[in-house]
Amino acid sequence: MKSSSSDRRRGHLASAAVAVLLLTGCAGTDPAQPGKSPSAGTSDVRSPAPTPSVTTAPATTAPAPSASTAPAAAAEPGGTAVSNPVSVRIPAAGTDSELLHLGLRDNGSLEVPPGDPGAPAAWYTGSPAPGEVGPAVLLGHVNATDGGPGVFAGLRGLVPGDRIEVVREDGSTAVFAVERGEQYAKDAFPTLSVYGNTDGPELRLITCDGYDPATGEFDDNYVVYAQLVG
């Protein structure tokens, strides 16, 4: 079932005001060990805050779309239709990934990409399409089950001005520029700051961070904020 872009925005904002739920599936392997992906917490950060991870998304008040059903095309500020995203490329991080379309499970948690946690990145279908006014949300794992790097392992190295290119179904490309990266504890995730309304088209990249070797879990989220530039 498809929904209009305005319906998606309304449901999106309502969900942001309700709660934050965690996306499970980040591999519980120590990214700092030899042969394993570097932990976001061990990388240099040029943002003013610590590092967050890909484990959070807001619950929705309406049934979540399935991974195989994407919302209808959105609209740009000028009224031009915006196609749904199919892939993302981040040259500075060496990221080049197709994009799955994932929504929420019946229990309100985010759907997880099939296969290993290092699997392709995903567009959260409860958020605007990239290029539509509002914060489009892309999710990806920081590491894989074998301890190798996940699709968003390089987010911590991004700096202001780095480009993020999102290719859409109609062949167009939305280009975003990184503004900053922030690390948040999962139990103190700033839902409205990440998922709330924005004046223009923006992008959020979210991954896991803050690996705790005592528990084998990631305690934080890392969020990259970016704005549309082309």
N, C-alpha and C. Protein backbone atom coordinates (compact mmCIF):
# COMPACT_ATOMS: atom_id res chain seq x y z
N MET A 1 0.84 -1.19 0.00
CA MET A 1 0.00 0.00 0.00
C MET A 1 0.87 1.23 0.00
N LYS A 2 0.53 2.23 -0.85
CA LYS A 2 1.35 3.41 -0.96
C LYS A 2 0.72 4.57 -0.21
N SER A 3 1.56 5.48 0.25
CA SER A 3 1.08 6.65 0.96
C SER A 3 1.61 7.89 0.29
N SER A 4 0.91 9.00 0.43
CA SER A 4 1.36 10.25 -0.17
C SER A 4 2.52 10.80 0.63
N SER A 5 3.27 11.73 0.01
CA SER A 5 4.41 12.32 0.71
C SER A 5 3.95 13.12 1.92
N SER A 6 2.79 13.79 1.81
CA SER A 6 2.31 14.56 2.95
C SER A 6 1.91 13.64 4.09
N ASP A 7 1.29 12.50 3.77
CA ASP A 7 0.94 11.53 4.80
C ASP A 7 2.18 11.01 5.48
N ARG A 8 3.23 10.75 4.67
CA ARG A 8 4.46 10.23 5.24
C ARG A 8 5.09 11.25 6.19
N ARG A 9 5.06 12.52 5.78
CA ARG A 9 5.64 13.55 6.63
C ARG A 9 4.87 13.67 7.94
N ARG A 10 3.52 13.64 7.87
CA ARG A 10 2.73 13.76 9.08
C ARG A 10 2.99 12.59 10.02
N GLY A 11 3.01 11.37 9.45
CA GLY A 11 3.25 10.20 10.27
C GLY A 11 4.65 10.21 10.84
N HIS A 12 5.56 10.74 10.04
CA HIS A 12 6.96 10.80 10.45
C HIS A 12 7.13 11.71 11.66
N LEU A 13 6.52 12.89 11.61
CA LEU A 13 6.65 13.83 12.72
C LEU A 13 5.93 13.32 13.96
N ALA A 14 4.79 12.69 13.74
CA ALA A 14 4.06 12.15 14.89
C ALA A 14 4.89 11.08 15.57
N SER A 15 5.54 10.26 14.77
CA SER A 15 6.35 9.18 15.34
C SER A 15 7.54 9.73 16.10
N ALA A 16 8.13 10.81 15.61
CA ALA A 16 9.29 11.38 16.27
C ALA A 16 8.94 11.89 17.66
N ALA A 17 7.71 12.29 17.84
CA ALA A 17 7.30 12.81 19.13
C ALA A 17 6.93 11.70 20.12
N VAL A 18 6.80 10.48 19.62
CA VAL A 18 6.35 9.39 20.47
C VAL A 18 7.49 8.68 21.16
N ALA A 19 8.42 8.09 20.39
CA ALA A 19 9.45 7.26 21.03
C ALA A 19 10.57 6.95 20.09
N VAL A 20 11.65 6.43 20.63
CA VAL A 20 12.77 5.95 19.85
C VAL A 20 12.90 4.46 20.09
N LEU A 21 12.97 3.67 19.00
CA LEU A 21 13.17 2.24 19.15
C LEU A 21 14.46 1.85 18.46
N LEU A 22 15.07 0.78 18.92
CA LEU A 22 16.37 0.40 18.43
C LEU A 22 16.32 -0.60 17.29
N LEU A 23 17.20 -0.41 16.33
CA LEU A 23 17.41 -1.38 15.27
C LEU A 23 18.44 -2.36 15.76
N THR A 24 18.07 -3.61 15.93
CA THR A 24 19.01 -4.62 16.39
C THR A 24 19.73 -5.22 15.21
N GLY A 25 20.85 -5.87 15.47
CA GLY A 25 21.52 -6.57 14.40
C GLY A 25 22.98 -6.22 14.21
N CYS A 26 23.48 -5.19 14.87
CA CYS A 26 24.91 -4.90 14.78
C CYS A 26 25.66 -6.07 15.41
N ALA A 27 26.65 -6.54 14.74
CA ALA A 27 27.39 -7.70 15.23
C ALA A 27 28.08 -7.38 16.54
N GLY A 28 28.01 -8.32 17.49
CA GLY A 28 28.63 -8.09 18.79
C GLY A 28 30.07 -8.52 18.82
N THR A 29 30.86 -8.08 17.86
CA THR A 29 32.28 -8.39 17.82
C THR A 29 33.06 -7.11 18.03
N ASP A 30 34.20 -7.22 18.67
CA ASP A 30 34.99 -6.04 19.01
C ASP A 30 35.62 -5.45 17.77
N PRO A 31 35.17 -4.26 17.32
CA PRO A 31 35.72 -3.65 16.12
C PRO A 31 37.16 -3.21 16.29
N ALA A 32 37.67 -3.18 17.51
CA ALA A 32 39.03 -2.69 17.74
C ALA A 32 40.07 -3.79 17.60
N GLN A 33 39.65 -5.05 17.52
CA GLN A 33 40.59 -6.15 17.43
C GLN A 33 41.20 -6.25 16.03
N PRO A 34 42.42 -6.81 15.90
CA PRO A 34 43.04 -6.95 14.58
C PRO A 34 42.12 -7.73 13.66
N GLY A 35 42.03 -7.22 12.41
CA GLY A 35 41.22 -7.90 11.42
C GLY A 35 39.75 -7.54 11.52
N LYS A 36 39.38 -6.68 12.46
CA LYS A 36 38.00 -6.28 12.63
C LYS A 36 37.86 -4.80 12.28
N SER A 37 36.64 -4.41 12.01
CA SER A 37 36.43 -3.04 11.60
C SER A 37 36.71 -2.08 12.74
N PRO A 38 37.27 -0.88 12.44
CA PRO A 38 37.56 0.06 13.52
C PRO A 38 36.30 0.56 14.17
N SER A 39 36.33 0.68 15.47
CA SER A 39 35.17 1.21 16.19
C SER A 39 35.08 2.70 15.96
N ALA A 40 33.83 3.17 15.83
CA ALA A 40 33.66 4.60 15.66
C ALA A 40 34.24 5.33 16.85
N GLY A 41 34.25 4.70 17.99
CA GLY A 41 34.76 5.36 19.18
C GLY A 41 36.27 5.47 19.19
N THR A 42 36.97 4.77 18.28
CA THR A 42 38.42 4.84 18.26
C THR A 42 38.94 5.73 17.14
N SER A 43 38.04 6.27 16.33
CA SER A 43 38.45 7.10 15.21
C SER A 43 38.49 8.56 15.62
N ASP A 44 39.27 9.36 14.88
CA ASP A 44 39.28 10.79 15.14
C ASP A 44 37.96 11.37 14.67
N VAL A 45 37.44 12.33 15.40
CA VAL A 45 36.19 12.96 15.02
C VAL A 45 36.41 14.44 14.88
N ARG A 46 35.87 15.01 13.80
CA ARG A 46 36.00 16.44 13.64
C ARG A 46 34.68 17.13 13.97
N SER A 47 33.78 16.41 14.60
CA SER A 47 32.53 17.00 15.04
C SER A 47 32.64 17.30 16.52
N PRO A 48 31.85 18.24 17.03
CA PRO A 48 31.98 18.65 18.42
C PRO A 48 31.50 17.63 19.43
N ALA A 49 30.75 16.61 18.99
CA ALA A 49 30.21 15.66 19.95
C ALA A 49 30.78 14.29 19.72
N PRO A 50 30.56 13.34 20.64
CA PRO A 50 31.01 11.96 20.48
C PRO A 50 30.33 11.30 19.30
N THR A 51 30.43 10.00 19.23
CA THR A 51 29.90 9.27 18.08
C THR A 51 28.66 8.45 18.33
N PRO A 52 27.61 8.52 17.47
CA PRO A 52 26.44 7.68 17.64
C PRO A 52 26.41 6.48 16.74
N SER A 53 25.33 5.67 16.74
CA SER A 53 25.28 4.48 15.93
C SER A 53 23.97 4.26 15.24
N VAL A 54 23.87 3.24 14.41
CA VAL A 54 22.70 3.06 13.56
C VAL A 54 21.55 2.33 14.20
N THR A 55 21.43 2.44 15.45
CA THR A 55 20.42 1.60 16.06
C THR A 55 19.13 2.28 16.44
N THR A 56 18.84 3.49 16.00
CA THR A 56 17.61 4.08 16.46
C THR A 56 16.72 4.62 15.37
N ALA A 57 15.43 4.46 15.59
CA ALA A 57 14.43 5.04 14.70
C ALA A 57 13.16 5.21 15.49
N PRO A 58 12.34 6.20 15.09
CA PRO A 58 11.13 6.44 15.85
C PRO A 58 10.05 5.43 15.53
N ALA A 59 9.19 5.19 16.48
CA ALA A 59 8.03 4.35 16.21
C ALA A 59 7.00 5.17 15.47
N THR A 60 6.08 4.54 14.78
CA THR A 60 5.04 5.26 14.07
C THR A 60 3.69 4.94 14.67
N THR A 61 2.74 5.85 14.47
CA THR A 61 1.41 5.64 14.99
C THR A 61 0.56 4.87 14.00
N ALA A 62 1.06 4.69 12.79
CA ALA A 62 0.34 3.94 11.76
C ALA A 62 1.12 2.68 11.44
N PRO A 63 0.47 1.69 10.78
CA PRO A 63 1.19 0.47 10.42
C PRO A 63 2.41 0.79 9.58
N ALA A 64 3.51 0.11 9.85
CA ALA A 64 4.76 0.37 9.13
C ALA A 64 4.73 -0.26 7.77
N PRO A 65 5.28 0.41 6.74
CA PRO A 65 5.35 -0.20 5.42
C PRO A 65 6.32 -1.37 5.45
N SER A 66 6.07 -2.36 4.62
CA SER A 66 6.96 -3.51 4.57
C SER A 66 8.21 -3.14 3.81
N ALA A 67 9.25 -3.97 3.92
CA ALA A 67 10.52 -3.69 3.25
C ALA A 67 10.35 -3.68 1.75
N SER A 68 9.33 -4.37 1.23
CA SER A 68 9.16 -4.46 -0.22
C SER A 68 8.22 -3.40 -0.76
N THR A 69 7.65 -2.57 0.12
CA THR A 69 6.71 -1.55 -0.31
C THR A 69 7.21 -0.18 0.07
N ALA A 70 7.53 0.64 -0.93
CA ALA A 70 8.03 1.98 -0.66
C ALA A 70 6.91 2.99 -0.82
N PRO A 71 7.00 4.12 -0.14
CA PRO A 71 5.98 5.16 -0.27
C PRO A 71 5.95 5.73 -1.68
N ALA A 72 4.91 6.44 -1.99
CA ALA A 72 4.80 7.08 -3.29
C ALA A 72 5.84 8.18 -3.41
N ALA A 73 6.09 8.63 -4.65
CA ALA A 73 7.08 9.67 -4.88
C ALA A 73 6.72 10.92 -4.09
N ALA A 74 7.75 11.58 -3.57
CA ALA A 74 7.55 12.79 -2.79
C ALA A 74 7.63 14.00 -3.70
N ALA A 75 7.62 15.18 -3.12
CA ALA A 75 7.69 16.38 -3.93
C ALA A 75 8.77 17.31 -3.41
N GLU A 76 9.53 17.91 -4.32
CA GLU A 76 10.55 18.88 -3.97
C GLU A 76 9.86 20.21 -3.68
N PRO A 77 10.62 21.18 -3.14
CA PRO A 77 10.01 22.47 -2.82
C PRO A 77 9.26 23.09 -3.99
N GLY A 78 9.76 22.91 -5.21
CA GLY A 78 9.10 23.49 -6.38
C GLY A 78 7.97 22.65 -6.91
N GLY A 79 7.68 21.52 -6.30
CA GLY A 79 6.59 20.67 -6.75
C GLY A 79 7.03 19.53 -7.64
N THR A 80 8.31 19.46 -7.98
CA THR A 80 8.81 18.39 -8.82
C THR A 80 8.81 17.08 -8.06
N ALA A 81 8.34 16.01 -8.72
CA ALA A 81 8.30 14.71 -8.06
C ALA A 81 9.69 14.23 -7.71
N VAL A 82 9.82 13.60 -6.56
CA VAL A 82 11.09 13.03 -6.13
C VAL A 82 10.94 11.52 -6.10
N SER A 83 11.77 10.83 -6.88
CA SER A 83 11.71 9.37 -6.91
C SER A 83 12.35 8.79 -5.67
N ASN A 84 11.97 7.57 -5.35
CA ASN A 84 12.57 6.87 -4.22
C ASN A 84 14.03 6.54 -4.49
N PRO A 85 14.85 6.46 -3.46
CA PRO A 85 16.29 6.21 -3.63
C PRO A 85 16.59 4.74 -3.95
N VAL A 86 17.66 4.53 -4.72
CA VAL A 86 18.07 3.16 -5.05
C VAL A 86 19.49 2.85 -4.61
N SER A 87 20.33 3.88 -4.44
CA SER A 87 21.70 3.63 -4.00
C SER A 87 22.30 4.88 -3.39
N VAL A 88 23.39 4.68 -2.61
CA VAL A 88 24.09 5.80 -1.99
C VAL A 88 25.58 5.63 -2.21
N ARG A 89 26.26 6.73 -2.46
CA ARG A 89 27.71 6.73 -2.66
C ARG A 89 28.31 7.84 -1.81
N ILE A 90 29.35 7.49 -1.03
CA ILE A 90 30.05 8.47 -0.20
C ILE A 90 31.54 8.35 -0.54
N PRO A 91 32.03 9.12 -1.48
CA PRO A 91 33.42 8.99 -1.94
C PRO A 91 34.45 9.04 -0.83
N ALA A 92 34.30 9.96 0.13
CA ALA A 92 35.30 10.12 1.19
C ALA A 92 35.38 8.91 2.10
N ALA A 93 34.30 8.12 2.18
CA ALA A 93 34.28 6.96 3.06
C ALA A 93 34.44 5.66 2.29
N GLY A 94 34.53 5.75 0.96
CA GLY A 94 34.65 4.54 0.15
C GLY A 94 33.37 3.72 0.15
N THR A 95 32.24 4.38 0.37
CA THR A 95 30.95 3.68 0.44
C THR A 95 30.23 3.76 -0.89
N ASP A 96 29.77 2.62 -1.38
CA ASP A 96 28.98 2.56 -2.61
C ASP A 96 28.00 1.40 -2.43
N SER A 97 26.76 1.70 -2.10
CA SER A 97 25.83 0.65 -1.70
C SER A 97 24.46 0.86 -2.33
N GLU A 98 23.81 -0.24 -2.68
CA GLU A 98 22.40 -0.17 -3.02
C GLU A 98 21.64 0.17 -1.75
N LEU A 99 20.40 0.60 -1.89
CA LEU A 99 19.58 0.95 -0.74
C LEU A 99 18.34 0.06 -0.69
N LEU A 100 18.21 -0.66 0.40
CA LEU A 100 16.98 -1.39 0.65
C LEU A 100 15.93 -0.39 1.14
N HIS A 101 14.67 -0.76 1.03
CA HIS A 101 13.58 0.08 1.54
C HIS A 101 12.98 -0.64 2.73
N LEU A 102 13.24 -0.13 3.94
CA LEU A 102 12.80 -0.80 5.16
C LEU A 102 11.91 0.10 6.00
N GLY A 103 10.90 -0.54 6.61
CA GLY A 103 10.01 0.18 7.49
C GLY A 103 10.13 -0.33 8.91
N LEU A 104 9.00 -0.50 9.58
CA LEU A 104 8.99 -0.97 10.96
C LEU A 104 8.26 -2.30 11.06
N ARG A 105 8.71 -3.10 12.01
CA ARG A 105 8.02 -4.36 12.30
C ARG A 105 6.74 -4.06 13.09
N ASP A 106 5.94 -5.12 13.31
CA ASP A 106 4.71 -4.96 14.07
C ASP A 106 4.96 -4.47 15.49
N ASN A 107 6.14 -4.81 16.04
CA ASN A 107 6.44 -4.39 17.41
C ASN A 107 7.06 -3.00 17.49
N GLY A 108 7.17 -2.33 16.32
CA GLY A 108 7.67 -0.97 16.30
C GLY A 108 9.16 -0.84 16.10
N SER A 109 9.89 -1.95 16.07
CA SER A 109 11.34 -1.89 15.85
C SER A 109 11.62 -1.85 14.35
N LEU A 110 12.76 -1.29 14.00
CA LEU A 110 13.14 -1.20 12.60
C LEU A 110 13.39 -2.57 11.99
N GLU A 111 12.96 -2.74 10.75
CA GLU A 111 13.32 -3.94 10.02
C GLU A 111 14.83 -3.94 9.80
N VAL A 112 15.43 -5.13 9.79
CA VAL A 112 16.87 -5.27 9.63
C VAL A 112 17.16 -5.85 8.26
N PRO A 113 18.18 -5.33 7.56
CA PRO A 113 18.52 -5.90 6.25
C PRO A 113 18.77 -7.40 6.36
N PRO A 114 18.32 -8.17 5.38
CA PRO A 114 18.54 -9.62 5.43
C PRO A 114 20.01 -9.96 5.30
N GLY A 115 20.39 -11.13 5.79
CA GLY A 115 21.78 -11.56 5.67
C GLY A 115 22.62 -11.00 6.81
N ASP A 116 23.92 -10.91 6.59
CA ASP A 116 24.84 -10.42 7.61
C ASP A 116 24.58 -8.96 7.95
N PRO A 117 24.88 -8.56 9.19
CA PRO A 117 24.68 -7.15 9.57
C PRO A 117 25.52 -6.17 8.77
N GLY A 118 26.49 -6.63 8.02
CA GLY A 118 27.25 -5.71 7.18
C GLY A 118 26.57 -5.44 5.86
N ALA A 119 25.35 -5.93 5.69
CA ALA A 119 24.59 -5.89 4.44
C ALA A 119 24.35 -4.46 3.95
N PRO A 120 23.71 -4.31 2.78
CA PRO A 120 23.52 -2.96 2.21
C PRO A 120 22.85 -1.99 3.16
N ALA A 121 23.06 -0.72 2.88
CA ALA A 121 22.39 0.33 3.64
C ALA A 121 20.90 0.31 3.27
N ALA A 122 20.10 1.05 4.03
CA ALA A 122 18.66 1.06 3.79
C ALA A 122 18.10 2.47 3.99
N TRP A 123 17.07 2.77 3.21
CA TRP A 123 16.30 4.00 3.40
C TRP A 123 15.13 3.66 4.29
N TYR A 124 14.93 4.42 5.36
CA TYR A 124 13.79 4.25 6.24
C TYR A 124 12.58 4.88 5.57
N THR A 125 11.61 4.07 5.16
CA THR A 125 10.49 4.54 4.35
C THR A 125 9.51 5.42 5.10
N GLY A 126 9.67 5.54 6.42
CA GLY A 126 8.85 6.47 7.18
C GLY A 126 9.38 7.89 7.11
N SER A 127 10.53 8.07 6.47
CA SER A 127 11.13 9.40 6.33
C SER A 127 10.92 9.90 4.90
N PRO A 128 11.15 11.21 4.66
CA PRO A 128 11.02 11.73 3.30
C PRO A 128 12.01 11.05 2.35
N ALA A 129 11.67 11.05 1.07
CA ALA A 129 12.63 10.59 0.06
C ALA A 129 13.75 11.62 -0.04
N PRO A 130 14.99 11.20 -0.28
CA PRO A 130 16.10 12.16 -0.38
C PRO A 130 15.83 13.22 -1.46
N GLY A 131 15.84 14.46 -1.06
CA GLY A 131 15.54 15.57 -1.96
C GLY A 131 14.21 16.22 -1.63
N GLU A 132 13.36 15.51 -0.90
CA GLU A 132 12.11 16.09 -0.42
C GLU A 132 12.41 16.91 0.83
N VAL A 133 11.61 17.94 1.09
CA VAL A 133 11.80 18.73 2.30
C VAL A 133 11.64 17.83 3.52
N GLY A 134 12.60 17.93 4.42
CA GLY A 134 12.59 17.10 5.62
C GLY A 134 13.83 16.23 5.68
N PRO A 135 14.01 15.50 6.78
CA PRO A 135 15.21 14.67 6.95
C PRO A 135 15.03 13.25 6.43
N ALA A 136 15.60 12.96 5.27
CA ALA A 136 15.62 11.59 4.76
C ALA A 136 16.60 10.79 5.61
N VAL A 137 16.23 9.56 5.97
CA VAL A 137 17.03 8.77 6.89
C VAL A 137 17.57 7.51 6.21
N LEU A 138 18.89 7.36 6.22
CA LEU A 138 19.55 6.17 5.71
C LEU A 138 20.23 5.46 6.88
N LEU A 139 20.06 4.14 6.94
CA LEU A 139 20.59 3.34 8.04
C LEU A 139 21.59 2.32 7.51
N GLY A 140 22.62 2.03 8.29
CA GLY A 140 23.60 1.03 7.88
C GLY A 140 24.39 0.53 9.07
N HIS A 141 24.85 -0.71 8.98
CA HIS A 141 25.62 -1.30 10.07
C HIS A 141 27.07 -0.84 10.04
N VAL A 142 27.68 -0.76 11.23
CA VAL A 142 29.07 -0.33 11.33
C VAL A 142 30.04 -1.50 11.13
N ASN A 143 29.57 -2.73 11.42
CA ASN A 143 30.45 -3.89 11.22
C ASN A 143 29.62 -5.09 10.76
N ALA A 144 30.31 -6.16 10.41
CA ALA A 144 29.67 -7.36 9.91
C ALA A 144 29.85 -8.51 10.90
N THR A 145 29.11 -9.58 10.68
CA THR A 145 29.19 -10.70 11.62
C THR A 145 30.57 -11.32 11.68
N ASP A 146 31.35 -11.20 10.60
CA ASP A 146 32.70 -11.78 10.62
C ASP A 146 33.72 -10.81 11.21
N GLY A 147 33.25 -9.66 11.72
CA GLY A 147 34.15 -8.68 12.31
C GLY A 147 34.70 -7.69 11.32
N GLY A 148 34.38 -7.86 10.03
CA GLY A 148 34.82 -6.91 9.03
C GLY A 148 33.99 -5.64 9.07
N PRO A 149 34.31 -4.68 8.21
CA PRO A 149 33.58 -3.40 8.23
C PRO A 149 32.18 -3.53 7.67
N GLY A 150 31.25 -2.81 8.27
CA GLY A 150 29.90 -2.72 7.74
C GLY A 150 29.83 -1.60 6.72
N VAL A 151 28.66 -1.45 6.10
CA VAL A 151 28.52 -0.50 5.02
C VAL A 151 28.74 0.95 5.48
N PHE A 152 28.45 1.26 6.75
CA PHE A 152 28.64 2.61 7.27
C PHE A 152 29.82 2.70 8.24
N ALA A 153 30.80 1.83 8.08
CA ALA A 153 31.97 1.85 8.97
C ALA A 153 32.77 3.14 8.85
N GLY A 154 32.67 3.82 7.71
CA GLY A 154 33.48 5.02 7.49
C GLY A 154 32.82 6.33 7.88
N LEU A 155 31.64 6.29 8.47
CA LEU A 155 30.95 7.55 8.78
C LEU A 155 31.73 8.45 9.70
N ARG A 156 32.46 7.86 10.64
CA ARG A 156 33.20 8.65 11.62
C ARG A 156 34.27 9.53 10.98
N GLY A 157 34.76 9.12 9.82
CA GLY A 157 35.82 9.88 9.16
C GLY A 157 35.32 11.02 8.31
N LEU A 158 34.01 11.17 8.16
CA LEU A 158 33.47 12.24 7.32
C LEU A 158 33.64 13.60 8.00
N VAL A 159 33.90 14.62 7.19
CA VAL A 159 34.08 15.98 7.70
C VAL A 159 33.15 16.92 6.94
N PRO A 160 32.90 18.10 7.49
CA PRO A 160 32.03 19.06 6.80
C PRO A 160 32.47 19.30 5.36
N GLY A 161 31.48 19.25 4.47
CA GLY A 161 31.75 19.46 3.05
C GLY A 161 31.86 18.18 2.25
N ASP A 162 32.09 17.04 2.90
CA ASP A 162 32.15 15.77 2.16
C ASP A 162 30.80 15.52 1.49
N ARG A 163 30.87 14.93 0.27
CA ARG A 163 29.66 14.72 -0.52
C ARG A 163 29.03 13.36 -0.25
N ILE A 164 27.71 13.35 -0.29
CA ILE A 164 26.93 12.11 -0.23
C ILE A 164 25.99 12.14 -1.42
N GLU A 165 26.08 11.14 -2.28
CA GLU A 165 25.30 11.12 -3.51
C GLU A 165 24.25 10.00 -3.43
N VAL A 166 23.00 10.37 -3.61
CA VAL A 166 21.91 9.40 -3.57
C VAL A 166 21.27 9.32 -4.95
N VAL A 167 21.37 8.15 -5.58
CA VAL A 167 20.78 7.94 -6.89
C VAL A 167 19.34 7.47 -6.70
N ARG A 168 18.44 8.03 -7.53
CA ARG A 168 17.02 7.72 -7.40
C ARG A 168 16.51 6.90 -8.58
N GLU A 169 15.29 6.38 -8.43
CA GLU A 169 14.73 5.47 -9.42
C GLU A 169 14.63 6.07 -10.81
N ASP A 170 14.47 7.39 -10.90
CA ASP A 170 14.34 8.02 -12.21
C ASP A 170 15.70 8.36 -12.83
N GLY A 171 16.80 7.93 -12.17
CA GLY A 171 18.13 8.18 -12.70
C GLY A 171 18.76 9.48 -12.21
N SER A 172 18.00 10.31 -11.51
CA SER A 172 18.54 11.56 -10.99
C SER A 172 19.39 11.28 -9.75
N THR A 173 20.25 12.23 -9.41
CA THR A 173 21.11 12.10 -8.24
C THR A 173 20.95 13.30 -7.33
N ALA A 174 20.64 13.06 -6.07
CA ALA A 174 20.58 14.12 -5.08
C ALA A 174 21.93 14.17 -4.37
N VAL A 175 22.54 15.34 -4.37
CA VAL A 175 23.86 15.50 -3.76
C VAL A 175 23.74 16.29 -2.46
N PHE A 176 24.26 15.71 -1.39
CA PHE A 176 24.23 16.34 -0.07
C PHE A 176 25.65 16.63 0.39
N ALA A 177 25.80 17.65 1.22
CA ALA A 177 27.09 17.98 1.82
C ALA A 177 27.01 17.77 3.32
N VAL A 178 28.00 17.08 3.87
CA VAL A 178 28.04 16.82 5.31
C VAL A 178 28.17 18.12 6.08
N GLU A 179 27.37 18.25 7.13
CA GLU A 179 27.48 19.39 8.03
C GLU A 179 28.26 19.03 9.28
N ARG A 180 27.88 17.88 9.88
CA ARG A 180 28.54 17.47 11.12
C ARG A 180 28.17 16.03 11.43
N GLY A 181 28.88 15.45 12.41
CA GLY A 181 28.54 14.14 12.92
C GLY A 181 28.41 14.22 14.43
N GLU A 182 27.47 13.47 14.98
CA GLU A 182 27.22 13.52 16.42
C GLU A 182 27.08 12.11 16.97
N GLN A 183 27.57 11.89 18.17
CA GLN A 183 27.42 10.62 18.87
C GLN A 183 26.40 10.77 19.99
N TYR A 184 25.47 9.83 20.08
CA TYR A 184 24.43 9.89 21.10
C TYR A 184 24.29 8.54 21.78
N ALA A 185 24.11 8.56 23.09
CA ALA A 185 23.76 7.34 23.80
C ALA A 185 22.36 6.93 23.37
N LYS A 186 22.15 5.63 23.19
CA LYS A 186 20.84 5.17 22.73
C LYS A 186 19.73 5.52 23.71
N ASP A 187 20.07 5.58 24.99
CA ASP A 187 19.04 5.90 25.97
C ASP A 187 18.84 7.40 26.14
N ALA A 188 19.54 8.20 25.33
CA ALA A 188 19.37 9.65 25.37
C ALA A 188 19.35 10.21 23.94
N PHE A 189 18.77 9.44 23.03
CA PHE A 189 18.75 9.82 21.62
C PHE A 189 17.83 11.01 21.39
N PRO A 190 18.33 12.09 20.72
CA PRO A 190 17.53 13.29 20.51
C PRO A 190 16.59 13.13 19.31
N THR A 191 15.50 12.43 19.52
CA THR A 191 14.61 12.05 18.43
C THR A 191 14.18 13.22 17.55
N LEU A 192 13.72 14.31 18.15
CA LEU A 192 13.23 15.42 17.36
C LEU A 192 14.34 16.10 16.57
N SER A 193 15.54 16.16 17.13
CA SER A 193 16.66 16.78 16.40
C SER A 193 17.02 15.98 15.16
N VAL A 194 16.90 14.66 15.25
CA VAL A 194 17.28 13.79 14.14
C VAL A 194 16.14 13.63 13.14
N TYR A 195 14.93 13.40 13.64
CA TYR A 195 13.80 13.07 12.77
C TYR A 195 12.80 14.20 12.57
N GLY A 196 12.96 15.31 13.27
CA GLY A 196 11.97 16.38 13.20
C GLY A 196 12.02 17.18 11.92
N ASN A 197 11.03 18.06 11.75
CA ASN A 197 10.90 18.90 10.57
C ASN A 197 12.15 19.74 10.32
N THR A 198 12.45 19.98 9.05
CA THR A 198 13.52 20.89 8.66
C THR A 198 12.99 21.83 7.59
N ASP A 199 13.64 22.96 7.41
CA ASP A 199 13.18 23.94 6.43
C ASP A 199 13.42 23.50 5.00
N GLY A 200 14.45 22.70 4.80
CA GLY A 200 14.78 22.25 3.45
C GLY A 200 15.09 20.76 3.43
N PRO A 201 15.49 20.24 2.26
CA PRO A 201 15.83 18.82 2.15
C PRO A 201 17.14 18.51 2.88
N GLU A 202 17.10 17.57 3.79
CA GLU A 202 18.29 17.17 4.53
C GLU A 202 18.42 15.65 4.53
N LEU A 203 19.55 15.19 5.05
CA LEU A 203 19.84 13.76 5.08
C LEU A 203 20.41 13.41 6.44
N ARG A 204 20.05 12.22 6.94
CA ARG A 204 20.62 11.68 8.16
C ARG A 204 21.16 10.29 7.86
N LEU A 205 22.41 10.06 8.18
CA LEU A 205 23.00 8.73 8.09
C LEU A 205 23.21 8.23 9.52
N ILE A 206 22.70 7.05 9.82
CA ILE A 206 22.76 6.56 11.20
C ILE A 206 23.39 5.18 11.26
N THR A 207 24.30 4.99 12.21
CA THR A 207 24.93 3.69 12.41
C THR A 207 25.20 3.45 13.89
N CYS A 208 25.65 2.24 14.22
CA CYS A 208 25.96 1.89 15.61
C CYS A 208 27.34 2.41 16.01
N ASP A 209 27.51 2.64 17.30
CA ASP A 209 28.80 3.10 17.82
C ASP A 209 28.85 2.83 19.31
N GLY A 210 30.01 3.11 19.91
CA GLY A 210 30.16 2.94 21.34
C GLY A 210 30.19 1.49 21.76
N TYR A 211 31.07 0.70 21.13
CA TYR A 211 31.15 -0.73 21.46
C TYR A 211 31.65 -0.95 22.89
N ASP A 212 30.94 -1.79 23.64
CA ASP A 212 31.30 -2.12 25.01
C ASP A 212 31.79 -3.56 25.05
N PRO A 213 33.10 -3.79 25.21
CA PRO A 213 33.62 -5.15 25.21
C PRO A 213 33.08 -5.99 26.37
N ALA A 214 32.62 -5.36 27.42
CA ALA A 214 32.11 -6.10 28.57
C ALA A 214 30.77 -6.77 28.24
N THR A 215 29.98 -6.13 27.41
CA THR A 215 28.66 -6.67 27.07
C THR A 215 28.58 -7.18 25.64
N GLY A 216 29.55 -6.78 24.80
CA GLY A 216 29.49 -7.15 23.39
C GLY A 216 28.42 -6.39 22.63
N GLU A 217 27.99 -5.26 23.18
CA GLU A 217 26.92 -4.47 22.57
C GLU A 217 27.42 -3.07 22.21
N PHE A 218 26.70 -2.44 21.29
CA PHE A 218 26.96 -1.04 20.94
C PHE A 218 25.97 -0.18 21.73
N ASP A 219 26.50 0.73 22.54
CA ASP A 219 25.66 1.53 23.42
C ASP A 219 25.20 2.85 22.81
N ASP A 220 25.84 3.26 21.72
CA ASP A 220 25.56 4.58 21.16
C ASP A 220 25.11 4.49 19.70
N ASN A 221 24.69 5.63 19.19
CA ASN A 221 24.40 5.84 17.77
C ASN A 221 25.28 6.97 17.26
N TYR A 222 25.68 6.84 15.99
CA TYR A 222 26.41 7.93 15.34
C TYR A 222 25.53 8.45 14.21
N VAL A 223 25.31 9.75 14.18
CA VAL A 223 24.45 10.37 13.18
C VAL A 223 25.22 11.42 12.41
N VAL A 224 25.18 11.30 11.09
CA VAL A 224 25.77 12.30 10.22
C VAL A 224 24.64 13.17 9.67
N TYR A 225 24.78 14.48 9.81
CA TYR A 225 23.79 15.44 9.31
C TYR A 225 24.31 16.04 8.00
N ALA A 226 23.46 16.12 6.98
CA ALA A 226 23.87 16.68 5.70
C ALA A 226 22.72 17.45 5.08
N GLN A 227 23.07 18.42 4.22
CA GLN A 227 22.06 19.24 3.54
C GLN A 227 22.18 19.08 2.04
N LEU A 228 21.05 19.20 1.34
CA LEU A 228 21.04 19.10 -0.12
C LEU A 228 21.77 20.29 -0.74
N VAL A 229 22.68 20.00 -1.67
CA VAL A 229 23.42 21.05 -2.36
C VAL A 229 23.30 20.96 -3.87
N GLY A 230 22.69 19.89 -4.35
CA GLY A 230 22.58 19.74 -5.80
C GLY A 230 21.74 18.56 -6.20
